[in-house]
Each structure stands twice: as structure tokens, then as C-alpha cells.
C-alpha atoms as a PDB file:
ATOM      1  CA  MET A   1     149.392 -98.887  -1.450  1.00  0.00           C
ATOM      2  CA  ARG A   2     146.092 -97.994   0.237  1.00  0.00           C
ATOM      3  CA  LEU A   3     146.262-101.193   2.305  1.00  0.00           C
ATOM      4  CA  LEU A   4     149.822-100.365   3.370  1.00  0.00           C
ATOM      5  CA  ARG A   5     148.801 -96.881   4.475  1.00  0.00           C
ATOM      6  CA  GLN A   6     145.869 -98.279   6.449  1.00  0.00           C
ATOM      7  CA  ARG A   7     148.174-100.797   8.119  1.00  0.00           C
ATOM      8  CA  ARG A   8     150.593 -98.035   9.116  1.00  0.00           C
ATOM      9  CA  ARG A   9     147.750 -95.933  10.550  1.00  0.00           C
ATOM     10  CA  THR A  10     146.600 -98.924  12.590  1.00  0.00           C
ATOM     11  CA  GLN A  11     150.115 -99.556  13.878  1.00  0.00           C
ATOM     12  CA  ARG A  12     150.477 -95.914  14.853  1.00  0.00           C
ATOM     13  CA  SER A  13     147.137 -95.966  16.685  1.00  0.00           C
ATOM     14  CA  GLU A  14     148.228 -99.046  18.604  1.00  0.00           C
ATOM     15  CA  LEU A  15     151.545 -97.371  19.403  1.00  0.00           C
ATOM     16  CA  TYR A  16     149.827 -94.248  20.648  1.00  0.00           C
ATOM     17  CA  ALA A  17     147.350 -96.225  22.759  1.00  0.00           C
ATOM     18  CA  GLY A  18     150.149 -98.283  24.285  1.00  0.00           C
ATOM     19  CA  LEU A  19     152.261 -95.245  25.018  1.00  0.00           C
ATOM     20  CA  LYS A  20     149.278 -93.447  26.524  1.00  0.00           C
ATOM     21  CA  GLY A  21     148.773 -96.380  28.841  1.00  0.00           C
ATOM     22  CA  ARG A  22     152.351 -96.196  30.089  1.00  0.00           C
ATOM     23  CA  LEU A  23     152.443 -92.388  30.281  1.00  0.00           C
ATOM     24  CA  PRO A  24     149.023 -91.151  31.453  1.00  0.00           C
ATOM     25  CA  LEU A  25     148.051 -87.910  29.747  1.00  0.00           C
ATOM     26  CA  ALA A  26     146.184 -85.208  31.636  1.00  0.00           C
ATOM     27  CA  ALA A  27     143.152 -83.977  29.745  1.00  0.00           C
ATOM     28  CA  GLY A  28     143.999 -80.822  27.849  1.00  0.00           C
ATOM     29  CA  GLY A  29     147.598 -80.660  28.993  1.00  0.00           C
ATOM     30  CA  PRO A  30     150.893 -82.478  29.481  1.00  0.00           C
ATOM     31  CA  SER A  31     151.316 -85.359  31.867  1.00  0.00           C
ATOM     32  CA  ALA A  32     153.286 -85.362  35.077  1.00  0.00           C
ATOM     33  CA  PHE A  33     156.256 -87.673  35.414  1.00  0.00           C
ATOM     34  CA  SER A  34     157.632 -89.727  38.270  1.00  0.00           C
ATOM     35  CA  GLY A  35     160.046 -92.609  38.521  1.00  0.00           C
ATOM     36  CA  THR A  36     162.040 -94.022  35.620  1.00  0.00           C
ATOM     37  CA  LEU A  37     161.101 -95.590  32.321  1.00  0.00           C
ATOM     38  CA  PRO A  38     160.554 -99.353  32.432  1.00  0.00           C
ATOM     39  CA  ARG A  39     162.544-101.511  30.056  1.00  0.00           C
ATOM     40  CA  MET A  40     160.609-101.590  26.797  1.00  0.00           C
ATOM     41  CA  LYS A  41     161.067-102.021  23.094  1.00  0.00           C
ATOM     42  CA  PRO A  42     161.816 -98.838  21.119  1.00  0.00           C
ATOM     43  CA  ILE A  43     158.886 -96.438  20.942  1.00  0.00           C
ATOM     44  CA  GLY A  44     158.144 -95.179  17.439  1.00  0.00           C
ATOM     45  CA  GLU A  45     158.462 -96.438  13.912  1.00  0.00           C
ATOM     46  CA  VAL A  46     161.057 -96.236  11.168  1.00  0.00           C
ATOM     47  CA  THR A  47     160.858 -92.976   9.228  1.00  0.00           C
ATOM     48  CA  ARG A  48     162.180 -92.142   5.762  1.00  0.00           C
ATOM     49  CA  GLY A  49     165.557 -91.182   7.158  1.00  0.00           C
ATOM     50  CA  THR A  50     166.431 -88.648   4.461  1.00  0.00           C
ATOM     51  CA  THR A  51     169.167 -86.244   5.469  1.00  0.00           C
ATOM     52  CA  HIS A  52     171.614 -83.767   3.971  1.00  0.00           C
ATOM     53  CA  PRO A  53     174.879 -82.174   5.143  1.00  0.00           C
ATOM     54  CA  ASN A  54     174.423 -78.865   6.963  1.00  0.00           C
ATOM     55  CA  ARG A  55     170.656 -79.237   6.848  1.00  0.00           C
ATOM     56  CA  LEU A  56     170.134 -78.273  10.503  1.00  0.00           C
ATOM     57  CA  ARG A  57     172.626 -75.399  10.682  1.00  0.00           C
ATOM     58  CA  ARG A  58     169.970 -72.768  11.452  1.00  0.00           C
ATOM     59  CA  ALA A  59     168.472 -74.778  14.304  1.00  0.00           C
ATOM     60  CA  ASP A  60     171.926 -75.605  15.667  1.00  0.00           C
ATOM     61  CA  ARG A  61     172.912 -71.932  15.666  1.00  0.00           C
ATOM     62  CA  TRP A  62     169.768 -70.979  17.598  1.00  0.00           C
ATOM     63  CA  PHE A  63     170.198 -73.906  19.991  1.00  0.00           C
ATOM     64  CA  ILE A  64     173.715 -72.791  20.921  1.00  0.00           C
ATOM     65  CA  HIS A  65     172.390 -69.271  21.578  1.00  0.00           C
ATOM     66  CA  ALA A  66     169.529 -70.579  23.735  1.00  0.00           C
ATOM     67  CA  MET A  67     171.313 -73.341  25.664  1.00  0.00           C
ATOM     68  CA  CYS A  68     174.965 -72.306  25.883  1.00  0.00           C
ATOM     69  CA  SER A  69     174.813 -70.990  29.465  1.00  0.00           C
ATOM     70  CA  GLN A  70     172.897 -73.999  30.788  1.00  0.00           C
ATOM     71  CA  LEU A  71     175.210 -76.503  29.120  1.00  0.00           C
ATOM     72  CA  ARG A  72     178.360 -74.749  30.320  1.00  0.00           C
ATOM     73  CA  ALA A  73     177.074 -74.695  33.897  1.00  0.00           C
ATOM     74  CA  ALA A  74     176.039 -78.373  33.894  1.00  0.00           C
ATOM     75  CA  ALA A  75     178.216 -81.001  35.535  1.00  0.00           C
ATOM     76  CA  ASN A  76     177.847 -83.852  33.036  1.00  0.00           C
ATOM     77  CA  PRO A  77     175.695 -82.714  30.092  1.00  0.00           C
ATOM     78  CA  LEU A  78     174.492 -84.994  27.323  1.00  0.00           C
ATOM     79  CA  CYS A  79     172.653 -83.892  24.173  1.00  0.00           C
ATOM     80  CA  VAL A  80     170.593 -86.502  22.312  1.00  0.00           C
ATOM     81  CA  ASP A  81     169.715 -86.483  18.613  1.00  0.00           C
ATOM     82  CA  ILE A  82     166.601 -88.576  17.924  1.00  0.00           C
ATOM     83  CA  GLY A  83     166.195 -90.066  14.443  1.00  0.00           C
ATOM     84  CA  PHE A  84     169.498 -89.225  12.761  1.00  0.00           C
ATOM     85  CA  GLY A  85     168.496 -91.042   9.579  1.00  0.00           C
ATOM     86  CA  HIS A  86     170.341 -92.997   6.904  1.00  0.00           C
ATOM     87  CA  THR A  87     173.639 -91.319   7.761  1.00  0.00           C
ATOM     88  CA  PRO A  88     174.617 -89.526  11.002  1.00  0.00           C
ATOM     89  CA  GLU A  89     175.912 -86.402   9.260  1.00  0.00           C
ATOM     90  CA  THR A  90     173.724 -83.923  11.126  1.00  0.00           C
ATOM     91  CA  THR A  91     174.514 -85.630  14.450  1.00  0.00           C
ATOM     92  CA  ILE A  92     178.224 -85.303  13.720  1.00  0.00           C
ATOM     93  CA  GLU A  93     177.770 -81.633  12.811  1.00  0.00           C
ATOM     94  CA  TRP A  94     175.842 -80.979  16.038  1.00  0.00           C
ATOM     95  CA  HIS A  95     178.577 -82.699  18.047  1.00  0.00           C
ATOM     96  CA  ASP A  96     181.299 -80.647  16.363  1.00  0.00           C
ATOM     97  CA  ARG A  97     179.436 -77.343  16.757  1.00  0.00           C
ATOM     98  CA  LEU A  98     178.711 -77.950  20.431  1.00  0.00           C
ATOM     99  CA  ARG A  99     182.312 -78.924  21.156  1.00  0.00           C
ATOM    100  CA  THR A 100     183.594 -75.866  19.289  1.00  0.00           C
ATOM    101  CA  HIS A 101     181.178 -73.211  20.526  1.00  0.00           C
ATOM    102  CA  VAL A 102     179.868 -74.477  23.890  1.00  0.00           C
ATOM    103  CA  ARG A 103     182.367 -76.733  25.685  1.00  0.00           C
ATOM    104  CA  PRO A 104     185.015 -79.180  24.444  1.00  0.00           C
ATOM    105  CA  ASP A 105     183.923 -82.043  26.710  1.00  0.00           C
ATOM    106  CA  ILE A 106     180.216 -82.173  25.877  1.00  0.00           C
ATOM    107  CA  GLU A 107     178.808 -85.575  24.911  1.00  0.00           C
ATOM    108  CA  VAL A 108     176.330 -86.248  22.092  1.00  0.00           C
ATOM    109  CA  LEU A 109     174.260 -89.388  21.551  1.00  0.00           C
ATOM    110  CA  GLY A 110     172.654 -90.210  18.198  1.00  0.00           C
ATOM    111  CA  VAL A 111     169.583 -92.458  18.424  1.00  0.00           C
ATOM    112  CA  ASP A 112     167.678 -94.136  15.601  1.00  0.00           C
ATOM    113  CA  ILE A 113     164.939 -96.740  15.625  1.00  0.00           C
ATOM    114  CA  ASP A 114     166.370 -98.469  12.534  1.00  0.00           C
ATOM    115  CA  ARG A 115     168.949-100.899  13.869  1.00  0.00           C
ATOM    116  CA  ALA A 116     170.771-101.106  10.518  1.00  0.00           C
ATOM    117  CA  ARG A 117     171.358 -97.335  10.529  1.00  0.00           C
ATOM    118  CA  VAL A 118     172.793 -97.526  14.045  1.00  0.00           C
ATOM    119  CA  GLN A 119     175.094-100.406  13.127  1.00  0.00           C
ATOM    120  CA  GLN A 120     176.303 -98.489  10.093  1.00  0.00           C
ATOM    121  CA  ALA A 121     177.016 -95.426  12.247  1.00  0.00           C
ATOM    122  CA  LEU A 122     178.904 -97.543  14.787  1.00  0.00           C
ATOM    123  CA  ARG A 123     181.073 -98.960  11.985  1.00  0.00           C
ATOM    124  CA  SER A 124     181.822 -95.525  10.544  1.00  0.00           C
ATOM    125  CA  SER A 125     184.760 -93.308  11.422  1.00  0.00           C
ATOM    126  CA  ALA A 126     182.358 -91.020  13.316  1.00  0.00           C
ATOM    127  CA  ALA A 127     182.107 -93.570  16.113  1.00  0.00           C
ATOM    128  CA  SER A 128     185.760 -92.953  16.989  1.00  0.00           C
ATOM    129  CA  ARG A 129     185.196 -89.244  17.680  1.00  0.00           C
ATOM    130  CA  PRO A 130     185.557 -88.427  21.381  1.00  0.00           C
ATOM    131  CA  GLY A 131     182.203 -87.720  22.964  1.00  0.00           C
ATOM    132  CA  LEU A 132     180.067 -89.054  20.100  1.00  0.00           C
ATOM    133  CA  HIS A 133     177.915 -92.139  20.702  1.00  0.00           C
ATOM    134  CA  PHE A 134     175.166 -94.050  18.895  1.00  0.00           C
ATOM    135  CA  ALA A 135     172.323 -96.225  20.166  1.00  0.00           C
ATOM    136  CA  HIS A 136     169.300 -98.103  18.895  1.00  0.00           C
ATOM    137  CA  GLY A 137     166.005 -96.757  20.203  1.00  0.00           C
ATOM    138  CA  GLY A 138     163.142 -94.322  19.864  1.00  0.00           C
ATOM    139  CA  PHE A 139     161.197 -91.813  21.920  1.00  0.00           C
ATOM    140  CA  GLU A 140     162.040 -93.633  25.154  1.00  0.00           C
ATOM    141  CA  VAL A 141     165.608 -92.259  24.653  1.00  0.00           C
ATOM    142  CA  PRO A 142     167.769 -95.216  25.696  1.00  0.00           C
ATOM    143  CA  LEU A 143     171.087 -94.422  27.347  1.00  0.00           C
ATOM    144  CA  PRO A 144     173.836 -96.985  26.684  1.00  0.00           C
ATOM    145  CA  SER A 145     176.325 -97.726  29.448  1.00  0.00           C
ATOM    146  CA  THR A 146     178.876 -95.317  27.937  1.00  0.00           C
ATOM    147  CA  VAL A 147     176.647 -92.328  28.734  1.00  0.00           C
ATOM    148  CA  ALA A 148     174.396 -93.682  31.512  1.00  0.00           C
ATOM    149  CA  HIS A 149     176.201 -91.497  34.078  1.00  0.00           C
ATOM    150  CA  LEU A 150     175.430 -88.287  32.164  1.00  0.00           C
ATOM    151  CA  GLN A 151     172.422 -85.976  32.453  1.00  0.00           C
ATOM    152  CA  VAL A 152     170.304 -85.290  29.379  1.00  0.00           C
ATOM    153  CA  HIS A 153     169.978 -81.522  29.040  1.00  0.00           C
ATOM    154  CA  ALA A 154     168.728 -81.423  25.464  1.00  0.00           C
ATOM    155  CA  ILE A 155     166.988 -83.618  22.906  1.00  0.00           C
ATOM    156  CA  ARG A 156     166.757 -82.724  19.228  1.00  0.00           C
ATOM    157  CA  ALA A 157     164.030 -84.430  17.172  1.00  0.00           C
ATOM    158  CA  PHE A 158     164.102 -82.937  13.672  1.00  0.00           C
ATOM    159  CA  ASN A 159     162.029 -84.160  10.721  1.00  0.00           C
ATOM    160  CA  VAL A 160     160.766 -87.070  12.821  1.00  0.00           C
ATOM    161  CA  LEU A 161     157.359 -86.227  14.279  1.00  0.00           C
ATOM    162  CA  ARG A 162     156.176 -84.668  11.017  1.00  0.00           C
ATOM    163  CA  GLN A 163     155.769 -88.234   9.762  1.00  0.00           C
ATOM    164  CA  TYR A 164     153.395 -89.133  12.603  1.00  0.00           C
ATOM    165  CA  GLN A 165     149.764 -88.298  13.287  1.00  0.00           C
ATOM    166  CA  GLU A 166     149.085 -85.076  15.198  1.00  0.00           C
ATOM    167  CA  GLN A 167     147.506 -86.912  18.144  1.00  0.00           C
ATOM    168  CA  GLU A 168     150.745 -88.853  18.626  1.00  0.00           C
ATOM    169  CA  VAL A 169     152.897 -85.775  19.175  1.00  0.00           C
ATOM    170  CA  ALA A 170     151.972 -85.110  22.813  1.00  0.00           C
ATOM    171  CA  ALA A 171     152.754 -88.685  23.855  1.00  0.00           C
ATOM    172  CA  ALA A 172     156.138 -88.539  22.087  1.00  0.00           C
ATOM    173  CA  TRP A 173     156.956 -85.208  23.774  1.00  0.00           C
ATOM    174  CA  HIS A 174     156.119 -86.667  27.161  1.00  0.00           C
ATOM    175  CA  ALA A 175     158.167 -89.818  26.591  1.00  0.00           C
ATOM    176  CA  MET A 176     161.247 -87.839  25.566  1.00  0.00           C
ATOM    177  CA  ALA A 177     160.810 -85.291  28.360  1.00  0.00           C
ATOM    178  CA  GLN A 178     161.117 -88.066  30.941  1.00  0.00           C
ATOM    179  CA  ARG A 179     164.792 -88.273  30.063  1.00  0.00           C
ATOM    180  CA  LEU A 180     165.422 -84.542  30.436  1.00  0.00           C
ATOM    181  CA  VAL A 181     166.706 -82.875  33.564  1.00  0.00           C
ATOM    182  CA  GLU A 182     164.424 -80.238  35.030  1.00  0.00           C
ATOM    183  CA  GLY A 183     164.650 -77.216  32.725  1.00  0.00           C
ATOM    184  CA  GLY A 184     166.061 -79.289  29.879  1.00  0.00           C
ATOM    185  CA  MET A 185     165.000 -78.595  26.302  1.00  0.00           C
ATOM    186  CA  LEU A 186     163.387 -80.685  23.579  1.00  0.00           C
ATOM    187  CA  MET A 187     163.518 -79.280  20.043  1.00  0.00           C
ATOM    188  CA  ASP A 188     160.750 -80.599  17.814  1.00  0.00           C
ATOM    189  CA  GLY A 189     161.361 -79.213  14.349  1.00  0.00           C
ATOM    190  CA  THR A 190     161.229 -79.618  10.619  1.00  0.00           C
ATOM    191  CA  CYS A 191     162.985 -78.117   7.609  1.00  0.00           C
ATOM    192  CA  ASP A 192     163.225 -78.387   3.849  1.00  0.00           C
ATOM    193  CA  GLU A 193     165.682 -80.695   2.127  1.00  0.00           C
ATOM    194  CA  ILE A 194     168.655 -78.321   2.275  1.00  0.00           C
ATOM    195  CA  GLY A 195     167.774 -76.383   5.408  1.00  0.00           C
ATOM    196  CA  ARG A 196     166.882 -73.023   3.881  1.00  0.00           C
ATOM    197  CA  ILE A 197     163.438 -73.027   5.507  1.00  0.00           C
ATOM    198  CA  SER A 198     163.194 -74.319   9.060  1.00  0.00           C
ATOM    199  CA  THR A 199     160.830 -74.187  12.042  1.00  0.00           C
ATOM    200  CA  TRP A 200     161.010 -75.688  15.510  1.00  0.00           C
ATOM    201  CA  ILE A 201     159.222 -75.728  18.849  1.00  0.00           C
ATOM    202  CA  ALA A 202     161.215 -75.389  22.068  1.00  0.00           C
ATOM    203  CA  VAL A 203     159.713 -77.615  24.764  1.00  0.00           C
ATOM    204  CA  ARG A 204     160.987 -77.454  28.345  1.00  0.00           C
ATOM    205  CA  ARG A 205     160.636 -79.924  31.181  1.00  0.00           C
ATOM    206  CA  ILE A 206     159.135 -77.792  33.948  1.00  0.00           C
ATOM    207  CA  ASP A 207     157.938 -79.330  37.221  1.00  0.00           C
ATOM    208  CA  GLY A 208     158.098 -82.730  35.568  1.00  0.00           C
ATOM    209  CA  ARG A 209     155.893 -81.676  32.646  1.00  0.00           C
ATOM    210  CA  ALA A 210     156.576 -81.117  28.946  1.00  0.00           C
ATOM    211  CA  ILE A 211     155.739 -77.455  28.354  1.00  0.00           C
ATOM    212  CA  ALA A 212     155.972 -75.834  24.910  1.00  0.00           C
ATOM    213  CA  GLU A 213     157.808 -72.534  25.261  1.00  0.00           C
ATOM    214  CA  SER A 214     158.229 -70.967  21.831  1.00  0.00           C
ATOM    215  CA  LEU A 215     158.104 -71.369  18.071  1.00  0.00           C
ATOM    216  CA  SER A 216     161.103 -70.322  16.003  1.00  0.00           C
ATOM    217  CA  LEU A 217     161.043 -69.735  12.255  1.00  0.00           C
ATOM    218  CA  ALA A 218     164.231 -69.386  10.261  1.00  0.00           C
ATOM    219  CA  ALA A 219     165.086 -68.855   6.613  1.00  0.00           C
ATOM    220  CA  HIS A 220     167.829 -68.014   4.177  1.00  0.00           C
ATOM    221  CA  VAL A 221     166.722 -64.397   3.835  1.00  0.00           C
ATOM    222  CA  GLY A 222     168.220 -63.938   0.388  1.00  0.00           C
ATOM    223  CA  SER A 223     165.859 -66.525  -1.079  1.00  0.00           C
ATOM    224  CA  LEU A 224     162.784 -65.906   1.097  1.00  0.00           C
ATOM    225  CA  ASP A 225     159.873 -64.866  -1.121  1.00  0.00           C
ATOM    226  CA  THR A 226     157.292 -64.605   1.646  1.00  0.00           C
ATOM    227  CA  PRO A 227     156.980 -65.662   5.304  1.00  0.00           C
ATOM    228  CA  LEU A 228     153.984 -67.721   4.221  1.00  0.00           C
ATOM    229  CA  THR A 229     156.565 -70.226   2.948  1.00  0.00           C
ATOM    230  CA  TRP A 230     157.004 -71.319   6.566  1.00  0.00           C
ATOM    231  CA  ALA A 231     153.448 -72.691   6.514  1.00  0.00           C
ATOM    232  CA  GLN A 232     154.647 -75.677   4.466  1.00  0.00           C
ATOM    233  CA  ARG A 233     157.248 -76.590   7.103  1.00  0.00           C
ATOM    234  CA  LEU A 234     155.425 -76.061  10.369  1.00  0.00           C
ATOM    235  CA  PRO A 235     155.894 -78.783  13.016  1.00  0.00           C
ATOM    236  CA  LYS A 236     153.199 -81.442  13.162  1.00  0.00           C
ATOM    237  CA  SER A 237     151.432 -79.940  16.169  1.00  0.00           C
ATOM    238  CA  LEU A 238     150.808 -76.711  14.222  1.00  0.00           C
ATOM    239  CA  ILE A 239     150.614 -77.468  10.519  1.00  0.00           C
ATOM    240  CA  HIS A 240     147.008 -78.676  10.549  1.00  0.00           C
ATOM    241  CA  HIS A 241     145.929 -75.624  12.568  1.00  0.00           C
ATOM    242  CA  ASN A 242     147.032 -73.132   9.931  1.00  0.00           C
ATOM    243  CA  ILE A 243     143.513 -72.231   8.877  1.00  0.00           C
ATOM    244  CA  GLU A 244     142.040 -68.780   8.423  1.00  0.00           C
ATOM    245  CA  GLY A 245     141.615 -66.989  11.746  1.00  0.00           C
ATOM    246  CA  SER A 246     143.700 -69.374  13.839  1.00  0.00           C
ATOM    247  CA  PRO A 247     146.540 -67.908  15.961  1.00  0.00           C
ATOM    248  CA  ILE A 248     149.325 -69.397  13.828  1.00  0.00           C
ATOM    249  CA  ASN A 249     147.599 -68.255  10.640  1.00  0.00           C
ATOM    250  CA  ARG A 250     147.161 -64.722  11.982  1.00  0.00           C
ATOM    251  CA  PHE A 251     150.844 -64.645  12.891  1.00  0.00           C
ATOM    252  CA  LEU A 252     151.985 -65.789   9.449  1.00  0.00           C
ATOM    253  CA  VAL A 253     149.659 -63.323   7.731  1.00  0.00           C
ATOM    254  CA  ALA A 254     150.950 -60.500   9.950  1.00  0.00           C
ATOM    255  CA  ALA A 255     154.532 -61.496   9.105  1.00  0.00           C
ATOM    256  CA  ASP A 256     153.702 -61.534   5.399  1.00  0.00           C
ATOM    257  CA  ARG A 257     152.166 -58.046   5.567  1.00  0.00           C
ATOM    258  CA  ALA A 258     155.148 -56.690   7.494  1.00  0.00           C
ATOM    259  CA  TRP A 259     157.485 -58.321   4.964  1.00  0.00           C
ATOM    260  CA  SER A 260     155.612 -56.715   2.068  1.00  0.00           C
ATOM    261  CA  THR A 261     155.595 -53.315   3.761  1.00  0.00           C
ATOM    262  CA  ALA A 262     159.371 -53.515   4.196  1.00  0.00           C
ATOM    263  CA  ALA A 263     159.971 -54.441   0.546  1.00  0.00           C
ATOM    264  CA  GLY A 264     161.734 -51.162  -0.177  1.00  0.00           C
ATOM    265  CA  LEU A 265     164.525 -52.041   2.261  1.00  0.00           C
ATOM    266  CA  ALA A 266     165.536 -55.017   0.156  1.00  0.00           C
ATOM    267  CA  VAL A 267     167.711 -52.685  -1.928  1.00  0.00           C
ATOM    268  CA  PHE A 268     169.951 -52.290   1.128  1.00  0.00           C
ATOM    269  CA  SER A 269     169.903 -55.988   2.023  1.00  0.00           C
ATOM    270  CA  PRO A 270     167.424 -58.809   2.668  1.00  0.00           C
ATOM    271  CA  ARG A 271     168.613 -58.771   6.272  1.00  0.00           C
ATOM    272  CA  GLN A 272     167.440 -55.197   6.760  1.00  0.00           C
ATOM    273  CA  ARG A 273     164.066 -56.178   5.389  1.00  0.00           C
ATOM    274  CA  PHE A 274     163.850 -59.156   7.766  1.00  0.00           C
ATOM    275  CA  ILE A 275     164.885 -57.062  10.784  1.00  0.00           C
ATOM    276  CA  THR A 276     162.209 -54.502   9.951  1.00  0.00           C
ATOM    277  CA  MET A 277     159.609 -57.250   9.621  1.00  0.00           C
ATOM    278  CA  ALA A 278     160.483 -58.687  13.037  1.00  0.00           C
ATOM    279  CA  GLN A 279     160.465 -55.272  14.684  1.00  0.00           C
ATOM    280  CA  SER A 280     157.083 -54.536  13.113  1.00  0.00           C
ATOM    281  CA  LEU A 281     155.652 -57.759  14.536  1.00  0.00           C
ATOM    282  CA  LYS A 282     156.985 -56.834  17.964  1.00  0.00           C
ATOM    283  CA  ASP A 283     155.513 -53.334  17.686  1.00  0.00           C
ATOM    284  CA  GLN A 284     152.144 -54.884  16.838  1.00  0.00           C
ATOM    285  CA  GLY A 285     152.171 -56.726  20.155  1.00  0.00           C
ATOM    286  CA  TRP A 286     153.376 -60.148  19.110  1.00  0.00           C
ATOM    287  CA  PRO A 287     155.650 -61.568  21.880  1.00  0.00           C
ATOM    288  CA  ILE A 288     158.805 -61.722  19.766  1.00  0.00           C
ATOM    289  CA  SER A 289     162.059 -62.682  21.496  1.00  0.00           C
ATOM    290  CA  ASP A 290     165.568 -61.309  21.073  1.00  0.00           C
ATOM    291  CA  SER A 291     166.589 -58.317  18.990  1.00  0.00           C
ATOM    292  CA  ALA A 292     168.122 -57.338  15.660  1.00  0.00           C
ATOM    293  CA  ALA A 293     171.250 -59.318  16.540  1.00  0.00           C
ATOM    294  CA  ARG A 294     169.248 -62.523  16.051  1.00  0.00           C
ATOM    295  CA  TRP A 295     166.800 -61.260  13.452  1.00  0.00           C
ATOM    296  CA  ARG A 296     169.605 -60.378  11.066  1.00  0.00           C
ATOM    297  CA  LEU A 297     170.391 -64.109  10.916  1.00  0.00           C
ATOM    298  CA  GLY A 298     166.962 -64.744   9.434  1.00  0.00           C
ATOM    299  CA  GLU A 299     165.289 -66.140  12.531  1.00  0.00           C
ATOM    300  CA  VAL A 300     162.350 -64.986  14.602  1.00  0.00           C
ATOM    301  CA  THR A 301     161.023 -66.572  17.806  1.00  0.00           C
ATOM    302  CA  VAL A 302     157.508 -66.053  19.159  1.00  0.00           C
ATOM    303  CA  ALA A 303     156.057 -67.182  22.487  1.00  0.00           C
ATOM    304  CA  TRP A 304     154.040 -70.396  22.229  1.00  0.00           C
ATOM    305  CA  GLU A 305     150.921 -69.095  23.914  1.00  0.00           C
ATOM    306  CA  ALA A 306     150.512 -66.472  21.169  1.00  0.00           C
ATOM    307  CA  ILE A 307     150.322 -68.955  18.293  1.00  0.00           C
ATOM    308  CA  ALA A 308     148.998 -72.186  19.808  1.00  0.00           C
ATOM    309  CA  SER A 309     145.386 -73.034  18.998  1.00  0.00           C
END
């Protein structure tokens, strides 16, 4: 087992070094992009692939709120789901939600680095749904001929990068961002097995660079014991920075204190308690987005610069 882990670490280091060579990284910040991706084998490695129906509902709901206007205004939008796993259930759900709540002609592409998973998805009844496609690939985001004429406005990579090393995250962001249109969004997130606790980073392509914009944290408020629970499900680029005194730690501690202070409101509803917590964080000076209309859903979004180390 130890030998296997060492071998995987070596493979990941080689992957990262190779990717860095193809996508030069600026010291201390994202790389600039120009041209198109050369033909290459899939970038990444096979992950566990575990999934569950409705697991990404909280992220999907926020995504529709954040991207609806951009997607409706786009000429030929495509949304890409990276690493759909053993079954494409969450890709199908994303496709259905976008077609129902955003626009009926939007196209969705599910990508997985495990060729067997892709073949299984192509043989399933899901492949016959209008506007739903599947392809074999990784962080290079391959576009099969059926969608090559479309523009990628969004990429969702959930429960994928958490299985990589932290130093590999930036290179993966940059590779995926090459496929995005200017202003397009990459969601790098993670959640628990049934989607009750979820966090994600919104990354935008701005001036050809992958720029982290915000961190969102969502929960089923009726079963949330403490905001500190989010610490276990932070995205890879943050989870190892949750140490005493760090920006993300100070934010989680502040949320926990505000949650405890609002405990008396739980008799009215957990939602009232969550709204009060979010408002308290905003009053303390944390750059919290949106208003009670979003907070009541059990989600809070904070600007990236406030919590990044």
C-alpha cells in the first residue's frame, strides 16, 4: 500500500511538471494564455468516481443564480462537467436544471478521464437526451465534433481536485481556463456524500488568466451543527491553510461565533439563524455577497481576497 501511494505521488509530480512545461506559470500568480491547446493525452488521473443522485443540488442552484444572465445572453453556450464519475447522474441533473431554469437549448458536456465510464455513459439512455454529450478526457477539456462549434462558458469540477496535491491545483485551473470564453466561470468544489455540506471556489477567466473570485459555503441548515463543519470539506487550495490565525480559519471562527450568538433564533427556524449569522459576518466587515434571499437557502459567499492565504 505504501509503495502504491509513493508511485501515485511520483506520477502526480510528473504530471504537474509536464503540465507546467506546457502552461508556464507566473511566479505567485496565474499564467497568461494564448493560442490553443495542442493535441495531447488526457491531463489528470482516474479518481474514485463516487457519486450520488442530487449530490450537487446546492452548487447547481447557486450556479444558476450566478450565471443565468451570461448564459442567456450567449450565442452558443456550452457547460462542461469534469469528472462525472462512475455514473453520469449529476451531469444529467445539471443538464436538466440548466434546460429548465436557464434556457431550453443549452448544451452540456460530461468529461471523464476513465474511458470505461465514458463508454458506459454513451451506451446509457442519457446519451439520447438532446443537448447532452459525453467525452473522454481530463483537464485539457476536449471538445468532440458534436460541440466543437460551441463556446465554453462554464466548467464544473466537483470532488475532483480534492484528490490531488495542493501544488497541482493551479496548473489544473489554468488548463481548464484555456477552454473558457473571457469572463467564463470554473467551479472547483467539494461536498459530502449526500450533498448536505458543500463548498466551492468560483474562478473566472479574466484577461486570459484564471482568477479566483469567491468562496461559497452551503449547508442543509436544519442539520448544521456548526459552521466549522465546512472545514472538513474545503476545496484543496484552502483545506491545508485552515490553521489558527489564517484568513480562512478566522472566517470560519467568526462564522461559528455568529452562529452561536444567533442560537436563540433557532426556535423560529434554522433559516432565521443562518440569515442572522450571515448578516453578522457582513456587519463585521467580511465581504459577503448577496442578501437574505440567498442566505435563507443556507449559502454564504465571501470574496476570495478576504480568505485566501
